[in-house]
Protein backbone atom coordinates (compact mmCIF):
# COMPACT_ATOMS: atom_id res chain seq x y z
CA ARG A 1 -0.89 -15.53 10.00
CA LEU A 2 0.92 -12.33 9.10
CA GLN A 3 1.39 -9.97 12.05
CA LEU A 4 2.26 -6.33 11.35
CA ASN A 5 2.39 -4.59 14.69
CA PHE A 6 4.74 -1.75 13.77
CA LEU A 7 2.96 -0.24 10.76
CA HIS A 8 -0.24 0.84 12.42
CA TRP A 9 -0.12 4.61 12.77
CA ILE A 10 -1.45 7.42 10.64
CA ASN A 11 -1.21 11.19 10.91
CA CYS A 12 -4.84 12.23 10.44
CA ASP A 13 -4.38 15.98 10.81
CA SER A 14 -2.52 16.67 7.59
CA TYR A 15 -4.44 19.11 5.41
CA GLU A 16 -3.56 19.27 1.73
CA PRO A 17 -4.55 21.66 -1.02
CA GLY A 18 -6.24 20.14 -4.09
CA PRO A 19 -6.60 18.97 -6.69
CA PHE A 20 -7.47 15.48 -5.49
CA THR A 21 -7.95 12.20 -7.34
CA ASP A 22 -8.97 8.57 -6.88
CA PHE A 23 -6.43 5.79 -6.50
CA THR A 24 -7.18 2.08 -7.09
CA VAL A 25 -5.08 -1.06 -6.85
CA ASP A 26 -6.59 -4.00 -8.72
CA LEU A 27 -6.29 -7.13 -6.57
CA GLN A 28 -7.95 -9.53 -9.01
CA ASN A 29 -4.60 -11.20 -9.78
CA LEU A 30 -4.15 -11.95 -6.05
CA LYS A 31 -7.11 -14.31 -5.60
CA ASP A 32 -4.81 -17.16 -4.47
CA PHE A 33 -3.32 -14.99 -1.70
CA THR A 34 -4.48 -14.53 1.89
CA ASP A 35 -3.83 -11.78 4.44
CA ILE A 36 -3.62 -9.09 1.76
CA TYR A 37 -2.51 -5.69 3.01
CA ALA A 38 -2.15 -2.52 0.94
CA TYR A 39 -0.46 0.56 2.34
CA LEU A 40 0.19 3.98 0.88
CA ILE A 41 3.30 5.36 2.58
CA PHE A 42 3.54 9.08 1.91
CA LYS A 43 7.09 10.30 1.37
CA ASN A 44 8.43 12.87 3.85
CA ARG A 45 5.08 13.17 5.66
CA SER A 46 5.08 10.51 8.40
CA VAL A 47 1.77 9.20 7.06
CA VAL A 48 0.80 5.60 6.36
CA GLN A 49 -2.63 4.68 5.07
CA LEU A 50 -3.98 1.12 5.18
CA ASP A 51 -6.98 0.15 3.13
CA TYR A 52 -8.40 -3.01 1.62
CA ASP A 53 -11.98 -3.67 0.68
CA ALA A 54 -12.41 -7.43 0.62
CA GLY A 55 -15.82 -7.07 -1.00
CA SER A 56 -14.73 -5.21 -4.14
CA GLY A 57 -11.42 -6.95 -4.79
CA ASN A 58 -9.73 -3.55 -5.01
CA TYR A 59 -7.74 -1.34 -2.73
CA SER A 60 -9.16 2.07 -3.38
CA ASN A 61 -9.15 5.53 -1.96
CA ASN A 62 -10.35 8.88 -3.06
CA ASN A 63 -9.21 12.42 -2.36
CA ILE A 64 -5.50 11.66 -2.63
CA PRO A 65 -3.66 14.91 -3.50
CA VAL A 66 -2.39 14.92 -7.11
CA GLY A 67 1.41 15.10 -7.21
CA THR A 68 1.89 13.32 -3.89
CA GLU A 69 4.98 11.13 -3.77
CA CYS A 70 4.42 7.84 -2.01
CA THR A 71 5.20 4.14 -2.03
CA LEU A 72 2.53 1.52 -2.46
CA LEU A 73 3.40 -1.42 -0.22
CA MET A 74 1.55 -4.64 -0.92
CA ILE A 75 1.96 -7.60 1.44
CA ALA A 76 0.26 -10.98 1.14
CA ALA A 77 0.74 -14.64 1.91
CA LYS A 78 0.21 -17.80 -0.11
CA LYS A 79 0.61 -21.24 1.47
CA ASN A 80 2.42 -19.65 4.45
CA ILE A 81 4.95 -17.94 2.16
CA LEU A 82 5.31 -14.17 2.42
CA TYR A 83 5.12 -11.95 -0.69
CA ALA A 84 5.55 -8.19 -1.06
CA ASN A 85 5.90 -5.35 -3.52
CA PHE A 86 7.17 -1.79 -3.07
CA THR A 87 6.02 0.50 -5.89
CA PRO A 88 7.19 4.15 -5.80
CA LEU A 89 4.44 6.40 -7.18
CA THR A 90 3.61 10.00 -7.88
CA ILE A 91 -0.16 10.26 -7.68
CA SER A 92 -1.76 11.45 -10.93
CA GLY A 93 -5.36 11.64 -12.16
CA SER A 94 -7.51 8.54 -11.51
CA MET A 95 -4.64 6.07 -11.13
CA GLN A 96 -5.08 2.32 -11.29
CA VAL A 97 -2.10 0.03 -10.64
CA PHE A 98 -1.56 -3.74 -10.83
CA PRO A 99 1.43 -4.52 -8.59
CA PRO A 100 3.16 -7.88 -9.01
CA LEU A 101 4.23 -9.63 -5.79
CA SER A 102 7.61 -11.26 -5.19
CA GLN A 103 8.49 -13.83 -2.57
CA THR A 104 10.27 -12.40 0.47
CA ASN A 105 10.88 -13.18 4.13
CA GLU A 106 9.99 -11.32 7.30
CA ALA A 107 13.50 -10.00 8.01
CA LYS A 108 13.91 -8.58 4.50
CA LEU A 109 10.40 -7.10 4.54
CA ILE A 110 11.04 -5.32 7.85
CA ALA A 111 14.41 -4.03 6.63
CA ASP A 112 12.83 -2.71 3.42
CA ILE A 113 10.05 -0.98 5.37
CA MET A 114 12.51 0.60 7.78
CA ALA A 115 14.55 1.92 4.82
CA LEU A 116 11.61 3.96 3.50
CA ASP A 117 11.75 7.70 4.09
């Protein structure tokens, strides 16, 4: 089972001016994966947001400020093999993304996370 004990914080007191939009990650192509995590890591803001709705098959959030620079980090496992994807994004109106996952290992994943700014 995937254990992420160092990516658990969020700065909840950050107030942003609008406009805001919805953001959705389609997880339909990940049906064979387990332990699916989706994070939005906001650049230069010390904010990480975790969200995954197992019922809808989508990672979704609303009221994300348009123009926000962030990285979408997807992590999942399949047959005890770790997969990940880092997708740099600038949030625009009603975004929907379909990130592909690539096989990785824990050491590389941690190094890639620690390299984010």
